[in-house]
Amino acid sequence: MDRRWLGSWLAGPSSAEDGAPGKYPGERLGLPQEGPGSIAGLGRRLGGLLIDWLICSVIGLGLLRSVPFAALLVFAVENVLLVGTAGFTIGHRIVGIRVSRVDGSHAGFGWAAVRTVFLCVFIPALFMDRDLRGMHDRAADTVPVRI
């Protein structure tokens, strides 16, 4: 991790990282402004996260009552397995987003695991760059896009 990678959050969303900022989130990444393949908005992402968290909480409490952080464990497994294979979790699919690598390729298990570790820590997901990617997406070189 170099200073420029971390600096994009410390300096704020309007800082210049690799030249001039794009006119809309995702332009610098070559993504369209609207429609399929565009950056998924915060509302969709939060909706998907809420759906996933509710499902994982029910499963965690129902099956793993005695395990501390059961819901978080189920959430992590869901994210690694589903994002690693299908490109989306249950919540992502319901709200119409998928996770792919910046180049458009499939995330795969390795990058899904990196993304999930950062996501489960929670704090990195709160800090976004000007393309609306949290630290978990930057670390895995992924981007949540609309289906």
C-alpha atoms as a PDB file:
ATOM      1  CA  MET A   1       0.000   0.000   0.000  1.00  0.00           C
ATOM      2  CA  ASP A   2       1.515   3.317  -0.973  1.00  0.00           C
ATOM      3  CA  ARG A   3       0.725   6.848   0.184  1.00  0.00           C
ATOM      4  CA  ARG A   4      -1.315   7.706  -2.921  1.00  0.00           C
ATOM      5  CA  TRP A   5      -3.633   4.731  -2.295  1.00  0.00           C
ATOM      6  CA  LEU A   6      -4.366   5.829   1.278  1.00  0.00           C
ATOM      7  CA  GLY A   7      -4.114   9.537   0.506  1.00  0.00           C
ATOM      8  CA  SER A   8      -7.214   9.565  -1.679  1.00  0.00           C
ATOM      9  CA  TRP A   9      -9.329   9.198   1.469  1.00  0.00           C
ATOM     10  CA  LEU A  10      -7.294  11.470   3.681  1.00  0.00           C
ATOM     11  CA  ALA A  11      -7.371  14.347   1.227  1.00  0.00           C
ATOM     12  CA  GLY A  12     -11.077  13.957   0.461  1.00  0.00           C
ATOM     13  CA  PRO A  13     -13.071  13.028  -2.609  1.00  0.00           C
ATOM     14  CA  SER A  14     -12.037  16.039  -4.700  1.00  0.00           C
ATOM     15  CA  SER A  15      -8.294  15.436  -4.517  1.00  0.00           C
ATOM     16  CA  ALA A  16      -6.460  14.767  -7.749  1.00  0.00           C
ATOM     17  CA  GLU A  17      -4.945  11.289  -7.722  1.00  0.00           C
ATOM     18  CA  ASP A  18      -4.215  10.290 -11.313  1.00  0.00           C
ATOM     19  CA  GLY A  19      -4.928  13.520 -13.114  1.00  0.00           C
ATOM     20  CA  ALA A  20      -8.139  15.500 -13.288  1.00  0.00           C
ATOM     21  CA  PRO A  21     -11.189  14.123 -11.485  1.00  0.00           C
ATOM     22  CA  GLY A  22     -13.971  12.692 -13.627  1.00  0.00           C
ATOM     23  CA  LYS A  23     -17.231  14.491 -14.260  1.00  0.00           C
ATOM     24  CA  TYR A  24     -19.129  11.639 -12.587  1.00  0.00           C
ATOM     25  CA  PRO A  25     -18.194   8.681 -10.360  1.00  0.00           C
ATOM     26  CA  GLY A  26     -16.664   5.929 -12.446  1.00  0.00           C
ATOM     27  CA  GLU A  27     -15.644   8.038 -15.457  1.00  0.00           C
ATOM     28  CA  ARG A  28     -11.938   7.636 -14.625  1.00  0.00           C
ATOM     29  CA  LEU A  29     -12.524   3.880 -14.525  1.00  0.00           C
ATOM     30  CA  GLY A  30     -14.126   3.875 -17.973  1.00  0.00           C
ATOM     31  CA  LEU A  31     -17.622   3.150 -16.666  1.00  0.00           C
ATOM     32  CA  PRO A  32     -20.823   4.704 -18.050  1.00  0.00           C
ATOM     33  CA  GLN A  33     -22.578   7.480 -16.151  1.00  0.00           C
ATOM     34  CA  GLU A  34     -26.000   5.778 -16.112  1.00  0.00           C
ATOM     35  CA  GLY A  35     -27.523   2.342 -16.610  1.00  0.00           C
ATOM     36  CA  PRO A  36     -25.965  -1.126 -16.540  1.00  0.00           C
ATOM     37  CA  GLY A  37     -22.268  -1.091 -15.701  1.00  0.00           C
ATOM     38  CA  SER A  38     -22.379   2.315 -13.994  1.00  0.00           C
ATOM     39  CA  ILE A  39     -21.259   2.800 -10.380  1.00  0.00           C
ATOM     40  CA  ALA A  40     -23.939   1.601  -7.981  1.00  0.00           C
ATOM     41  CA  GLY A  41     -25.249   4.397  -5.792  1.00  0.00           C
ATOM     42  CA  LEU A  42     -25.039   4.518  -2.038  1.00  0.00           C
ATOM     43  CA  GLY A  43     -28.763   3.791  -1.600  1.00  0.00           C
ATOM     44  CA  ARG A  44     -28.552   0.541  -3.539  1.00  0.00           C
ATOM     45  CA  ARG A  45     -25.433  -0.521  -1.689  1.00  0.00           C
ATOM     46  CA  LEU A  46     -26.884   0.227   1.736  1.00  0.00           C
ATOM     47  CA  GLY A  47     -30.109  -1.562   0.789  1.00  0.00           C
ATOM     48  CA  GLY A  48     -28.163  -4.634  -0.331  1.00  0.00           C
ATOM     49  CA  LEU A  49     -26.054  -4.548   2.818  1.00  0.00           C
ATOM     50  CA  LEU A  50     -29.155  -4.321   5.023  1.00  0.00           C
ATOM     51  CA  ILE A  51     -30.801  -7.270   3.243  1.00  0.00           C
ATOM     52  CA  ASP A  52     -27.624  -9.358   3.548  1.00  0.00           C
ATOM     53  CA  TRP A  53     -27.172  -8.429   7.199  1.00  0.00           C
ATOM     54  CA  LEU A  54     -30.761  -9.365   8.073  1.00  0.00           C
ATOM     55  CA  ILE A  55     -30.474 -12.726   6.300  1.00  0.00           C
ATOM     56  CA  CYS A  56     -27.119 -13.466   7.943  1.00  0.00           C
ATOM     57  CA  SER A  57     -28.415 -12.429  11.367  1.00  0.00           C
ATOM     58  CA  VAL A  58     -31.357 -14.808  11.117  1.00  0.00           C
ATOM     59  CA  ILE A  59     -29.096 -17.654   9.980  1.00  0.00           C
ATOM     60  CA  GLY A  60     -26.434 -16.831  12.560  1.00  0.00           C
ATOM     61  CA  LEU A  61     -28.881 -16.639  15.444  1.00  0.00           C
ATOM     62  CA  GLY A  62     -30.836 -19.668  14.293  1.00  0.00           C
ATOM     63  CA  LEU A  63     -27.949 -22.024  13.585  1.00  0.00           C
ATOM     64  CA  LEU A  64     -24.980 -20.692  15.523  1.00  0.00           C
ATOM     65  CA  ARG A  65     -26.517 -19.253  18.699  1.00  0.00           C
ATOM     66  CA  SER A  66     -23.551 -20.065  20.877  1.00  0.00           C
ATOM     67  CA  VAL A  67     -20.899 -18.713  18.487  1.00  0.00           C
ATOM     68  CA  PRO A  68     -19.815 -15.123  19.207  1.00  0.00           C
ATOM     69  CA  PHE A  69     -20.213 -12.872  16.172  1.00  0.00           C
ATOM     70  CA  ALA A  70     -22.277 -15.560  14.419  1.00  0.00           C
ATOM     71  CA  ALA A  71     -23.971 -13.090  12.065  1.00  0.00           C
ATOM     72  CA  LEU A  72     -20.622 -11.599  11.054  1.00  0.00           C
ATOM     73  CA  LEU A  73     -19.213 -15.067  10.412  1.00  0.00           C
ATOM     74  CA  VAL A  74     -22.183 -15.989   8.201  1.00  0.00           C
ATOM     75  CA  PHE A  75     -21.912 -12.587   6.461  1.00  0.00           C
ATOM     76  CA  ALA A  76     -18.225 -13.176   5.698  1.00  0.00           C
ATOM     77  CA  VAL A  77     -18.847 -16.680   4.339  1.00  0.00           C
ATOM     78  CA  GLU A  78     -21.765 -15.424   2.225  1.00  0.00           C
ATOM     79  CA  ASN A  79     -19.660 -12.632   0.742  1.00  0.00           C
ATOM     80  CA  VAL A  80     -16.640 -14.770  -0.089  1.00  0.00           C
ATOM     81  CA  LEU A  81     -18.682 -17.607  -1.599  1.00  0.00           C
ATOM     82  CA  LEU A  82     -21.263 -15.588  -3.508  1.00  0.00           C
ATOM     83  CA  VAL A  83     -19.128 -12.655  -4.671  1.00  0.00           C
ATOM     84  CA  GLY A  84     -16.344 -15.115  -5.491  1.00  0.00           C
ATOM     85  CA  THR A  85     -18.618 -17.283  -7.655  1.00  0.00           C
ATOM     86  CA  ALA A  86     -21.616 -15.246  -8.843  1.00  0.00           C
ATOM     87  CA  GLY A  87     -20.327 -11.701  -8.429  1.00  0.00           C
ATOM     88  CA  PHE A  88     -23.068 -10.678  -6.018  1.00  0.00           C
ATOM     89  CA  THR A  89     -24.611 -11.528  -2.664  1.00  0.00           C
ATOM     90  CA  ILE A  90     -28.328 -12.125  -2.146  1.00  0.00           C
ATOM     91  CA  GLY A  91     -28.825  -8.493  -1.156  1.00  0.00           C
ATOM     92  CA  HIS A  92     -26.786  -7.252  -4.123  1.00  0.00           C
ATOM     93  CA  ARG A  93     -28.916  -9.297  -6.509  1.00  0.00           C
ATOM     94  CA  ILE A  94     -32.181  -8.029  -5.030  1.00  0.00           C
ATOM     95  CA  VAL A  95     -31.149  -4.368  -5.390  1.00  0.00           C
ATOM     96  CA  GLY A  96     -29.556  -4.898  -8.799  1.00  0.00           C
ATOM     97  CA  ILE A  97     -25.802  -4.621  -8.302  1.00  0.00           C
ATOM     98  CA  ARG A  98     -22.810  -6.873  -8.847  1.00  0.00           C
ATOM     99  CA  VAL A  99     -19.158  -6.691  -7.853  1.00  0.00           C
ATOM    100  CA  SER A 100     -16.511  -7.023 -10.524  1.00  0.00           C
ATOM    101  CA  ARG A 101     -12.880  -6.138 -10.945  1.00  0.00           C
ATOM    102  CA  VAL A 102     -12.206  -2.664 -12.333  1.00  0.00           C
ATOM    103  CA  ASP A 103     -11.282  -4.210 -15.684  1.00  0.00           C
ATOM    104  CA  GLY A 104     -14.718  -5.909 -15.804  1.00  0.00           C
ATOM    105  CA  SER A 105     -13.489  -9.405 -15.028  1.00  0.00           C
ATOM    106  CA  HIS A 106     -14.881 -11.696 -12.335  1.00  0.00           C
ATOM    107  CA  ALA A 107     -13.618 -10.984  -8.790  1.00  0.00           C
ATOM    108  CA  GLY A 108     -12.895 -14.643  -7.915  1.00  0.00           C
ATOM    109  CA  PHE A 109     -12.399 -16.115  -4.455  1.00  0.00           C
ATOM    110  CA  GLY A 110      -9.073 -14.458  -3.658  1.00  0.00           C
ATOM    111  CA  TRP A 111     -10.192 -10.896  -4.304  1.00  0.00           C
ATOM    112  CA  ALA A 112     -13.615 -11.602  -2.789  1.00  0.00           C
ATOM    113  CA  ALA A 113     -11.814 -12.715   0.391  1.00  0.00           C
ATOM    114  CA  VAL A 114      -9.653  -9.558   0.473  1.00  0.00           C
ATOM    115  CA  ARG A 115     -12.725  -7.390  -0.061  1.00  0.00           C
ATOM    116  CA  THR A 116     -14.672  -9.264   2.626  1.00  0.00           C
ATOM    117  CA  VAL A 117     -11.950  -8.908   5.265  1.00  0.00           C
ATOM    118  CA  PHE A 118     -11.909  -5.139   4.761  1.00  0.00           C
ATOM    119  CA  LEU A 119     -15.706  -5.012   4.645  1.00  0.00           C
ATOM    120  CA  CYS A 120     -16.071  -6.962   7.905  1.00  0.00           C
ATOM    121  CA  VAL A 121     -13.783  -4.520   9.686  1.00  0.00           C
ATOM    122  CA  PHE A 122     -16.490  -1.987   8.684  1.00  0.00           C
ATOM    123  CA  ILE A 123     -14.489   1.237   9.100  1.00  0.00           C
ATOM    124  CA  PRO A 124     -12.745   0.989   5.675  1.00  0.00           C
ATOM    125  CA  ALA A 125     -16.150   0.751   3.974  1.00  0.00           C
ATOM    126  CA  LEU A 126     -17.055   4.194   5.329  1.00  0.00           C
ATOM    127  CA  PHE A 127     -14.224   5.965   3.505  1.00  0.00           C
ATOM    128  CA  MET A 128     -14.845   6.374  -0.214  1.00  0.00           C
ATOM    129  CA  ASP A 129     -12.841   7.884  -3.021  1.00  0.00           C
ATOM    130  CA  ARG A 130     -14.292  10.119  -5.733  1.00  0.00           C
ATOM    131  CA  ASP A 131     -15.461   7.038  -7.658  1.00  0.00           C
ATOM    132  CA  LEU A 132     -17.510   5.978  -4.598  1.00  0.00           C
ATOM    133  CA  ARG A 133     -15.283   2.970  -3.933  1.00  0.00           C
ATOM    134  CA  GLY A 134     -14.603   2.149  -0.290  1.00  0.00           C
ATOM    135  CA  MET A 135     -11.231   0.980   0.956  1.00  0.00           C
ATOM    136  CA  HIS A 136     -12.472  -2.622   0.722  1.00  0.00           C
ATOM    137  CA  ASP A 137     -13.116  -2.172  -3.002  1.00  0.00           C
ATOM    138  CA  ARG A 138      -9.825  -0.351  -3.541  1.00  0.00           C
ATOM    139  CA  ALA A 139      -7.873  -3.097  -1.766  1.00  0.00           C
ATOM    140  CA  ALA A 140      -9.436  -5.769  -3.988  1.00  0.00           C
ATOM    141  CA  ASP A 141      -9.456  -3.550  -7.109  1.00  0.00           C
ATOM    142  CA  THR A 142     -13.205  -4.131  -7.394  1.00  0.00           C
ATOM    143  CA  VAL A 143     -16.152  -1.858  -8.120  1.00  0.00           C
ATOM    144  CA  PRO A 144     -19.860  -2.316  -7.350  1.00  0.00           C
ATOM    145  CA  VAL A 145     -21.828  -1.646 -10.539  1.00  0.00           C
ATOM    146  CA  ARG A 146     -25.461  -1.697 -11.544  1.00  0.00           C
ATOM    147  CA  ILE A 147     -26.783  -4.789 -13.312  1.00  0.00           C
END
